[in-house]
């Protein structure tokens, strides 16, 4: 049962937290009149200002308001108060594609094809309406109760200027995204098409679904970036010939030679079970872009409805608010500004981007004292050969070696502030492949006695 304690905008009641970010939370909500459940992303306005995130959020709101496709998470409404911005989103309850991959180890080609078709349709819809996502990855692909895929988190998206015929007239320059899924041209700091960068990310996702691991991986980040720039990866022997061919056409260093999504839908591997009518609907509705211009982006925050209980002017709508617009290049122009170490820059940007949006919640509660929880977890971690270092029982450091390198993580244990009989446990990743860390996290949780995990503390 979900407990609702606060009302937003007079229309939605807030429930329990289902995800957390650096300065945001996602909570379950319910519409007071219709009883429809939604996801409510709650962002602190001061944090948006301090992190110079207002422009990015404005752009996310302006774009998501106009996106309408079965494979894209819907934005229903937006509210603001003195302290918070609330995004009312479609509640997608089937979990992340990421978790599904971990659960299955890897997908059969039939299963992978179904999700890839939906990913391509949703992304192509965005492209035909002039929007590049720029952070496609399994963690941003949600599954609904029917196991249909929904693209989420448009926080790094941007409008990709094109001509009436669809040709790109200006290129983007901001380095952003998640390193393992970022295209070589983005890594290199050159001007790039957001559309072709998304195509690379789709190729990485296809590989991950079919292989159960990333194509570009190493314990050293610089080596990973070198492999990405060279498209140096192992084509798995168990991939079908058609799958190998499609992956090889997407993971191409030269963006001008990389497959477009229009070419992907014509590929033999993509075709089985695909409904061409869905593609025609997208094309028919894409004769014009979304009509989101820079002025509309600037108005995105001011158009937000004030909470009836907390109306007030906001610093976020002030003309002096900082602007973080994504500059563009003309096709005839080059990059402006000083060159910096691109690997270091992407590290910083990627870390920033991940902290700005919802992250997987790797916290849970255990009944009993922190000391008892520590002893229980050390026993489980030892049994799983994760080499716990329990010199400090409330901060257990662990490491294990896999075929893809060393994984490190820390188990943090503390008493719950609100319940004296509950201990809070957080398993925080250090270094190593995210997919394998999540698999370890799931194994640890599975070993716990369900009777020890109180309700609403999963």
Protein backbone atom coordinates (compact mmCIF):
# COMPACT_ATOMS: atom_id res chain seq x y z
CA UNK A 1 0.00 0.00 0.00
CA UNK A 2 1.30 3.48 -0.96
CA UNK A 3 0.95 6.19 1.66
CA UNK A 4 0.21 9.70 0.40
CA UNK A 5 1.19 12.64 2.58
CA UNK A 6 1.28 15.78 0.44
CA UNK A 7 -0.67 17.32 -2.41
CA UNK A 8 0.98 18.98 -5.44
CA UNK A 9 -0.78 21.66 -7.45
CA UNK A 10 -4.08 20.70 -5.86
CA UNK A 11 -4.28 17.76 -8.30
CA UNK A 12 -1.73 15.10 -7.31
CA UNK A 13 -0.90 13.44 -4.01
CA UNK A 14 2.71 12.45 -3.34
CA UNK A 15 3.56 8.92 -2.20
CA UNK A 16 6.72 6.99 -1.45
CA UNK A 17 10.10 7.62 -3.08
CA UNK A 18 11.00 5.12 -5.80
CA UNK A 19 14.26 6.69 -7.00
CA UNK A 20 16.84 9.30 -6.06
CA UNK A 21 19.30 11.59 -7.81
CA UNK A 22 21.84 14.19 -6.72
CA UNK A 23 19.18 16.87 -6.15
CA UNK A 24 16.02 15.11 -7.28
CA UNK A 25 13.69 12.35 -6.19
CA UNK A 26 11.06 10.39 -8.05
CA UNK A 27 7.93 9.58 -6.08
CA UNK A 28 4.75 7.70 -6.82
CA UNK A 29 1.80 10.07 -7.17
CA UNK A 30 -1.92 9.74 -7.75
CA UNK A 31 -4.32 12.13 -9.47
CA UNK A 32 -6.88 13.15 -6.87
CA UNK A 33 -9.91 12.97 -9.16
CA UNK A 34 -9.09 10.18 -11.65
CA UNK A 35 -6.96 8.07 -9.24
CA UNK A 36 -4.44 7.55 -12.05
CA UNK A 37 -0.99 6.72 -10.69
CA UNK A 38 1.94 8.74 -12.02
CA UNK A 39 5.64 9.26 -11.37
CA UNK A 40 6.51 12.67 -9.92
CA UNK A 41 10.06 13.91 -10.37
CA UNK A 42 10.81 16.43 -7.62
CA UNK A 43 13.73 18.83 -8.19
CA UNK A 44 15.06 21.44 -5.77
CA UNK A 45 15.05 24.83 -7.42
CA UNK A 46 18.04 26.12 -5.45
CA UNK A 47 20.05 23.10 -6.58
CA UNK A 48 19.04 23.78 -10.19
CA UNK A 49 20.35 27.33 -9.82
CA UNK A 50 23.53 26.30 -7.99
CA UNK A 51 24.35 23.66 -10.61
CA UNK A 52 23.42 25.93 -13.56
CA UNK A 53 20.83 23.34 -14.55
CA UNK A 54 17.87 25.63 -15.23
CA UNK A 55 18.40 25.84 -18.98
CA UNK A 56 18.75 22.09 -19.25
CA UNK A 57 15.53 21.51 -17.32
CA UNK A 58 13.70 24.13 -19.38
CA UNK A 59 14.76 22.35 -22.55
CA UNK A 60 13.72 18.96 -21.16
CA UNK A 61 10.27 20.31 -20.28
CA UNK A 62 9.74 22.14 -23.58
CA UNK A 63 10.68 19.06 -25.62
CA UNK A 64 8.85 16.45 -23.53
CA UNK A 65 5.61 18.47 -23.54
CA UNK A 66 5.35 17.85 -27.29
CA UNK A 67 6.59 14.27 -27.61
CA UNK A 68 3.78 11.77 -28.08
CA UNK A 69 4.76 8.21 -28.98
CA UNK A 70 3.99 4.79 -27.44
CA UNK A 71 7.71 4.13 -26.87
CA UNK A 72 8.43 7.43 -25.09
CA UNK A 73 7.57 8.23 -21.48
CA UNK A 74 4.89 10.93 -21.37
CA UNK A 75 5.14 14.23 -19.50
CA UNK A 76 1.63 15.11 -18.30
CA UNK A 77 2.14 18.33 -16.38
CA UNK A 78 4.60 20.53 -14.51
CA UNK A 79 4.18 22.48 -11.24
CA UNK A 80 6.44 24.74 -9.25
CA UNK A 81 6.55 26.08 -5.71
CA UNK A 82 9.02 28.36 -3.96
CA UNK A 83 11.41 25.46 -3.41
CA UNK A 84 10.63 22.73 -5.94
CA UNK A 85 9.80 21.90 -9.55
CA UNK A 86 7.52 18.89 -10.04
CA UNK A 87 7.43 16.95 -13.33
CA UNK A 88 4.32 14.75 -13.58
CA UNK A 89 5.36 11.75 -15.68
CA UNK A 90 3.87 8.51 -16.91
CA UNK A 91 4.45 5.81 -14.30
CA UNK A 92 6.27 2.92 -15.93
CA UNK A 93 6.33 0.04 -13.46
CA UNK A 94 8.07 -2.81 -15.26
CA UNK A 95 11.58 -1.70 -14.28
CA UNK A 96 14.58 -0.76 -16.39
CA UNK A 97 15.77 -2.65 -19.45
CA UNK A 98 19.09 -2.70 -17.59
CA UNK A 99 17.61 -4.91 -14.85
CA UNK A 100 16.00 -7.19 -17.42
CA UNK A 101 19.38 -7.75 -19.09
CA UNK A 102 21.01 -8.54 -15.75
CA UNK A 103 18.19 -10.95 -14.88
CA UNK A 104 18.46 -12.81 -18.20
CA UNK A 105 22.30 -12.60 -18.42
CA UNK A 106 21.75 -11.84 -22.09
CA UNK A 107 18.76 -11.79 -24.43
CA UNK A 108 17.94 -14.22 -27.18
CA UNK A 109 18.00 -12.50 -30.54
CA UNK A 110 14.22 -12.74 -30.72
CA UNK A 111 13.80 -10.92 -27.40
CA UNK A 112 16.54 -8.42 -28.20
CA UNK A 113 14.94 -7.72 -31.59
CA UNK A 114 11.59 -6.84 -29.98
CA UNK A 115 13.14 -4.27 -27.64
CA UNK A 116 15.49 -2.96 -30.32
CA UNK A 117 12.59 -2.40 -32.72
CA UNK A 118 10.79 -0.35 -30.07
CA UNK A 119 13.96 1.58 -29.23
CA UNK A 120 14.50 2.42 -32.90
CA UNK A 121 10.87 3.47 -33.41
CA UNK A 122 10.92 5.79 -30.39
CA UNK A 123 14.31 7.27 -31.31
CA UNK A 124 13.38 7.67 -34.98
CA UNK A 125 10.21 9.49 -33.91
CA UNK A 126 12.43 11.93 -31.99
CA UNK A 127 14.79 12.36 -34.94
CA UNK A 128 12.00 12.97 -37.44
CA UNK A 129 10.71 15.69 -35.09
CA UNK A 130 14.16 17.27 -34.79
CA UNK A 131 15.14 15.95 -31.33
CA UNK A 132 18.36 14.13 -30.42
CA UNK A 133 18.23 12.24 -27.10
CA UNK A 134 22.02 12.06 -26.47
CA UNK A 135 21.89 9.74 -23.45
CA UNK A 136 20.44 6.48 -24.71
CA UNK A 137 21.41 3.55 -22.46
CA UNK A 138 19.60 0.60 -20.83
CA UNK A 139 19.19 2.56 -17.57
CA UNK A 140 17.09 5.15 -19.47
CA UNK A 141 14.89 2.56 -21.17
CA UNK A 142 11.91 1.56 -19.04
CA UNK A 143 9.55 -1.38 -19.43
CA UNK A 144 5.82 -1.16 -18.75
CA UNK A 145 3.63 -3.97 -17.42
CA UNK A 146 3.19 -5.28 -20.97
CA UNK A 147 6.99 -5.38 -21.30
CA UNK A 148 6.92 -2.66 -23.92
CA UNK A 149 9.88 -0.28 -23.97
CA UNK A 150 9.65 3.43 -23.09
CA UNK A 151 12.50 5.90 -23.65
CA UNK A 152 12.91 8.18 -20.63
CA UNK A 153 15.14 10.95 -19.25
CA UNK A 154 15.37 13.67 -21.88
CA UNK A 155 17.52 15.86 -19.65
CA UNK A 156 20.43 15.88 -22.13
CA UNK A 157 18.27 16.06 -25.26
CA UNK A 158 18.48 18.95 -27.68
CA UNK A 159 16.95 20.21 -30.89
CA UNK A 160 19.00 19.22 -33.93
CA UNK A 161 18.60 21.93 -36.59
CA UNK A 162 17.65 20.49 -39.99
CA UNK A 163 16.43 21.79 -43.34
CA UNK A 164 12.98 21.10 -44.76
CA UNK A 165 14.41 18.06 -46.54
CA UNK A 166 15.81 16.66 -43.29
CA UNK A 167 19.44 17.56 -43.91
CA UNK A 168 21.35 18.78 -40.87
CA UNK A 169 22.05 22.52 -41.11
CA UNK A 170 23.85 22.96 -37.80
CA UNK A 171 25.77 20.61 -35.57
CA UNK A 172 25.96 20.24 -31.81
CA UNK A 173 29.11 20.55 -29.75
CA UNK A 174 28.37 19.78 -26.10
CA UNK A 175 30.12 16.69 -24.77
CA UNK A 176 27.48 14.80 -22.81
CA UNK A 177 26.10 11.34 -22.21
CA UNK A 178 27.35 8.23 -20.47
CA UNK A 179 30.93 7.33 -21.50
CA UNK A 180 30.35 3.66 -22.39
CA UNK A 181 27.56 4.64 -24.82
CA UNK A 182 29.00 7.87 -26.26
CA UNK A 183 29.94 8.07 -29.95
CA UNK A 184 33.61 8.62 -30.95
CA UNK A 185 32.92 12.02 -32.47
CA UNK A 186 31.40 13.24 -29.20
CA UNK A 187 34.44 11.95 -27.30
CA UNK A 188 36.74 13.78 -29.72
CA UNK A 189 35.17 17.14 -28.95
CA UNK A 190 34.33 17.92 -32.58
CA UNK A 191 31.02 19.18 -33.94
CA UNK A 192 28.59 16.32 -34.36
CA UNK A 193 25.09 15.33 -35.41
CA UNK A 194 22.99 14.32 -32.43
CA UNK A 195 21.14 11.89 -34.70
CA UNK A 196 24.19 9.87 -35.74
CA UNK A 197 25.48 9.95 -32.16
CA UNK A 198 22.17 8.37 -31.07
CA UNK A 199 22.64 5.69 -33.74
CA UNK A 200 25.99 4.72 -32.19
CA UNK A 201 24.32 4.46 -28.77
CA UNK A 202 21.63 2.22 -30.27
CA UNK A 203 24.40 -0.04 -31.61
CA UNK A 204 26.00 -0.29 -28.15
CA UNK A 205 22.61 -1.10 -26.60
CA UNK A 206 21.99 -3.83 -29.18
CA UNK A 207 25.38 -5.36 -28.39
CA UNK A 208 24.71 -5.20 -24.63
CA UNK A 209 21.32 -6.89 -25.02
CA UNK A 210 22.72 -9.77 -27.07
CA UNK A 211 26.06 -10.19 -25.26
CA UNK A 212 25.15 -9.26 -21.69
CA UNK A 213 28.22 -7.02 -21.47
CA UNK A 214 29.54 -3.78 -22.91
CA UNK A 215 31.47 -3.86 -26.19
CA UNK A 216 34.08 -1.37 -24.94
CA UNK A 217 35.35 -2.24 -21.49
CA UNK A 218 38.57 -2.13 -19.52
CA UNK A 219 39.62 -1.34 -15.96
CA UNK A 220 41.33 1.82 -17.28
CA UNK A 221 39.02 4.61 -18.49
CA UNK A 222 41.55 5.97 -20.98
CA UNK A 223 41.81 2.53 -22.58
CA UNK A 224 38.02 2.37 -22.86
CA UNK A 225 37.97 5.73 -24.66
CA UNK A 226 40.75 4.56 -26.98
CA UNK A 227 38.73 1.45 -27.85
CA UNK A 228 35.63 3.57 -28.53
CA UNK A 229 37.55 5.93 -30.82
CA UNK A 230 38.90 2.93 -32.74
CA UNK A 231 35.64 0.90 -32.59
CA UNK A 232 37.76 -1.89 -31.13
CA UNK A 233 35.51 -4.62 -29.73
CA UNK A 234 34.98 -8.36 -29.83
CA UNK A 235 32.16 -9.64 -32.03
CA UNK A 236 30.72 -12.60 -30.12
CA UNK A 237 30.82 -15.92 -31.93
CA UNK A 238 27.26 -16.75 -30.85
CA UNK A 239 25.82 -13.70 -32.63
CA UNK A 240 24.00 -14.60 -35.83
CA UNK A 241 25.57 -13.42 -39.08
CA UNK A 242 22.78 -10.86 -39.55
CA UNK A 243 23.22 -9.48 -35.99
CA UNK A 244 26.97 -9.18 -36.54
CA UNK A 245 26.34 -7.30 -39.77
CA UNK A 246 23.93 -4.80 -38.20
CA UNK A 247 26.17 -4.15 -35.18
CA UNK A 248 29.16 -3.64 -37.47
CA UNK A 249 27.21 -1.04 -39.46
CA UNK A 250 26.17 0.91 -36.35
CA UNK A 251 29.48 0.86 -34.46
CA UNK A 252 31.34 2.71 -37.21
CA UNK A 253 33.78 5.47 -36.24
CA UNK A 254 33.04 7.69 -39.24
CA UNK A 255 29.55 9.12 -38.60
CA UNK A 256 29.06 9.68 -42.34
CA UNK A 257 29.41 5.92 -42.93
CA UNK A 258 27.40 4.84 -39.90
CA UNK A 259 23.93 3.41 -40.48
CA UNK A 260 21.03 5.78 -39.97
CA UNK A 261 17.88 4.53 -38.27
CA UNK A 262 16.10 4.65 -41.63
CA UNK A 263 18.68 2.16 -42.87
CA UNK A 264 18.38 0.07 -39.71
CA UNK A 265 14.66 -0.55 -40.27
CA UNK A 266 15.50 -1.94 -43.74
CA UNK A 267 18.08 -4.40 -42.40
CA UNK A 268 17.35 -8.13 -42.57
CA UNK A 269 17.98 -8.70 -38.84
CA UNK A 270 15.52 -5.95 -37.90
CA UNK A 271 12.69 -7.09 -40.17
CA UNK A 272 11.15 -10.22 -38.50
CA UNK A 273 7.97 -9.33 -36.61
CA UNK A 274 8.24 -5.62 -37.41
CA UNK A 275 5.03 -3.77 -38.26
CA UNK A 276 5.77 -1.29 -41.08
CA UNK A 277 2.50 0.53 -40.32
CA UNK A 278 4.06 1.85 -37.09
CA UNK A 279 6.89 3.36 -39.15
CA UNK A 280 4.49 4.94 -41.63
CA UNK A 281 2.55 6.58 -38.79
CA UNK A 282 5.77 8.19 -37.57
CA UNK A 283 6.65 9.45 -41.05
CA UNK A 284 3.16 10.81 -41.68
CA UNK A 285 3.19 12.79 -38.45
CA UNK A 286 6.66 14.21 -38.96
CA UNK A 287 6.09 16.64 -41.81
CA UNK A 288 6.91 19.40 -39.35
CA UNK A 289 9.20 19.55 -36.34
CA UNK A 290 7.95 19.93 -32.79
CA UNK A 291 7.94 23.70 -33.13
CA UNK A 292 10.10 24.14 -30.03
CA UNK A 293 12.27 27.21 -30.47
CA UNK A 294 14.68 28.97 -28.13
CA UNK A 295 11.97 31.39 -27.00
CA UNK A 296 9.70 28.52 -25.98
CA UNK A 297 12.55 26.91 -24.05
CA UNK A 298 13.13 30.17 -22.18
CA UNK A 299 9.41 30.32 -21.33
CA UNK A 300 9.27 26.71 -20.09
CA UNK A 301 9.75 27.58 -16.43
CA UNK A 302 7.52 30.65 -16.49
CA UNK A 303 4.69 28.58 -17.97
CA UNK A 304 4.76 26.18 -15.05
CA UNK A 305 1.65 26.41 -12.84
CA UNK A 306 2.29 27.74 -9.35
CA UNK A 307 1.17 25.58 -6.47
CA UNK A 308 -1.95 27.30 -5.09
CA UNK A 309 -0.56 27.10 -1.56
CA UNK A 310 2.85 28.61 -2.35
CA UNK A 311 2.61 31.28 -5.03
CA UNK A 312 5.65 33.51 -5.28
CA UNK A 313 8.09 34.97 -7.80
CA UNK A 314 11.02 32.69 -8.47
CA UNK A 315 14.69 33.29 -9.04
CA UNK A 316 14.49 30.54 -11.64
CA UNK A 317 12.45 32.81 -13.91
CA UNK A 318 14.62 35.87 -13.40
CA UNK A 319 16.20 37.46 -16.49
CA UNK A 320 19.53 37.09 -14.67
CA UNK A 321 19.20 33.32 -14.40
CA UNK A 322 22.19 31.54 -15.87
CA UNK A 323 21.73 30.04 -19.34
CA UNK A 324 23.36 26.77 -20.30
CA UNK A 325 22.22 26.50 -23.90
CA UNK A 326 23.87 23.95 -26.15
CA UNK A 327 25.72 26.01 -28.76
CA UNK A 328 25.73 24.88 -32.36
CA UNK A 329 28.09 24.92 -35.30
CA UNK A 330 27.27 25.75 -38.87
CA UNK A 331 28.50 23.19 -41.36
CA UNK A 332 31.08 25.68 -42.58
CA UNK A 333 32.34 26.58 -39.14
CA UNK A 334 34.79 25.01 -36.77
CA UNK A 335 34.91 24.63 -33.04
CA UNK A 336 35.38 27.71 -30.95
CA UNK A 337 36.86 27.95 -27.46
CA UNK A 338 39.88 26.45 -25.81
CA UNK A 339 40.67 22.78 -26.26
CA UNK A 340 40.85 20.75 -23.06
CA UNK A 341 41.66 17.15 -22.28
CA UNK A 342 38.58 15.45 -23.68
CA UNK A 343 38.80 12.31 -21.59
CA UNK A 344 38.91 14.35 -18.39
CA UNK A 345 36.13 16.63 -19.62
CA UNK A 346 33.82 13.73 -20.42
CA UNK A 347 34.57 12.15 -17.06
CA UNK A 348 33.43 15.35 -15.37
CA UNK A 349 30.43 15.88 -17.61
CA UNK A 350 29.30 12.27 -17.40
CA UNK A 351 29.56 12.28 -13.64
CA UNK A 352 27.58 15.50 -13.56
CA UNK A 353 24.95 14.14 -15.93
CA UNK A 354 24.45 10.95 -13.93
CA UNK A 355 24.11 12.87 -10.68
CA UNK A 356 21.47 15.15 -12.16
CA UNK A 357 18.92 12.48 -12.86
CA UNK A 358 17.35 9.53 -11.16
CA UNK A 359 19.74 6.76 -10.20
CA UNK A 360 18.95 3.17 -9.28
CA UNK A 361 18.12 2.94 -5.62
CA UNK A 362 20.67 0.54 -4.05
CA UNK A 363 19.44 1.11 -0.53
CA UNK A 364 17.20 -1.08 1.60
CA UNK A 365 16.21 -1.58 5.21
CA UNK A 366 16.83 -4.49 7.57
CA UNK A 367 15.07 -5.18 10.84
CA UNK A 368 17.36 -5.13 13.86
CA UNK A 369 20.40 -3.22 15.01
CA UNK A 370 23.21 -1.92 12.76
CA UNK A 371 25.61 -4.36 14.48
CA UNK A 372 23.38 -7.33 13.65
CA UNK A 373 22.97 -6.14 10.05
CA UNK A 374 26.74 -5.77 9.70
CA UNK A 375 27.37 -9.30 10.93
CA UNK A 376 24.72 -10.73 8.60
CA UNK A 377 26.06 -8.87 5.58
CA UNK A 378 29.68 -9.86 6.25
CA UNK A 379 28.55 -13.49 6.30
CA UNK A 380 26.71 -13.10 2.97
CA UNK A 381 29.55 -11.16 1.33
CA UNK A 382 32.06 -13.79 2.46
CA UNK A 383 29.90 -16.62 1.11
CA UNK A 384 29.73 -14.83 -2.25
CA UNK A 385 33.54 -14.46 -2.24
CA UNK A 386 33.35 -10.67 -2.32
CA UNK A 387 36.21 -10.29 0.20
CA UNK A 388 34.62 -7.95 2.75
CA UNK A 389 36.98 -5.77 4.78
CA UNK A 390 35.11 -5.23 8.06
CA UNK A 391 37.71 -3.30 10.03
CA UNK A 392 35.02 -0.64 10.30
CA UNK A 393 31.77 -2.64 10.68
CA UNK A 394 29.53 0.24 9.53
CA UNK A 395 31.61 0.80 6.37
CA UNK A 396 32.43 -2.54 4.75
CA UNK A 397 34.71 -2.34 1.72
CA UNK A 398 34.56 -5.13 -0.85
CA UNK A 399 36.33 -6.12 -4.04
CA UNK A 400 36.20 -9.00 -6.45
CA UNK A 401 37.88 -9.86 -9.70
CA UNK A 402 35.90 -10.80 -12.79
CA UNK A 403 36.90 -11.55 -16.36
CA UNK A 404 36.19 -7.88 -17.15
CA UNK A 405 38.33 -6.48 -14.34
CA UNK A 406 38.13 -5.63 -10.66
CA UNK A 407 34.84 -4.45 -9.13
CA UNK A 408 34.92 -2.49 -5.88
CA UNK A 409 32.01 -1.32 -3.74
CA UNK A 410 31.25 -0.15 -0.22
CA UNK A 411 28.43 -1.27 2.09
CA UNK A 412 27.29 1.60 4.32
CA UNK A 413 25.23 0.74 7.42
CA UNK A 414 23.36 3.18 9.66
CA UNK A 415 20.37 3.33 11.98
CA UNK A 416 17.15 4.59 10.38
CA UNK A 417 16.24 8.04 11.63
CA UNK A 418 12.50 7.38 11.74
CA UNK A 419 12.35 3.76 12.99
CA UNK A 420 14.40 2.51 15.93
CA UNK A 421 14.13 -1.15 14.87
CA UNK A 422 15.29 -0.62 11.28
CA UNK A 423 18.82 -0.37 9.89
CA UNK A 424 19.48 1.34 6.55
CA UNK A 425 21.94 -0.37 4.18
CA UNK A 426 23.37 1.23 1.06
CA UNK A 427 25.62 -0.62 -1.38
CA UNK A 428 27.61 2.00 -3.26
CA UNK A 429 29.56 1.11 -6.42
CA UNK A 430 33.21 2.08 -6.62
CA UNK A 431 34.80 1.04 -9.90
CA UNK A 432 34.18 -1.69 -12.41
CA UNK A 433 31.43 -2.58 -14.95
CA UNK A 434 27.98 -1.33 -13.94
CA UNK A 435 26.19 -4.39 -15.30
CA UNK A 436 28.26 -6.76 -13.18
CA UNK A 437 27.96 -4.56 -10.08
CA UNK A 438 24.18 -4.67 -10.40
CA UNK A 439 24.31 -8.45 -10.68
CA UNK A 440 26.35 -8.59 -7.44
CA UNK A 441 23.87 -6.26 -5.72
CA UNK A 442 20.97 -8.52 -6.72
CA UNK A 443 22.79 -11.60 -5.39
CA UNK A 444 23.38 -9.94 -2.02
CA UNK A 445 19.74 -8.90 -1.70
CA UNK A 446 18.54 -12.37 -2.71
CA UNK A 447 20.52 -13.88 0.17
CA UNK A 448 18.67 -11.76 2.74
CA UNK A 449 15.85 -13.26 4.76
CA UNK A 450 12.62 -11.65 3.41
CA UNK A 451 11.35 -11.46 7.00
CA UNK A 452 14.25 -9.14 7.77
CA UNK A 453 13.30 -6.61 5.10
CA UNK A 454 10.46 -4.36 6.31
CA UNK A 455 7.75 -3.10 3.91
CA UNK A 456 8.68 -0.08 1.76
CA UNK A 457 12.40 -0.62 2.49
CA UNK A 458 13.31 -2.55 -0.65
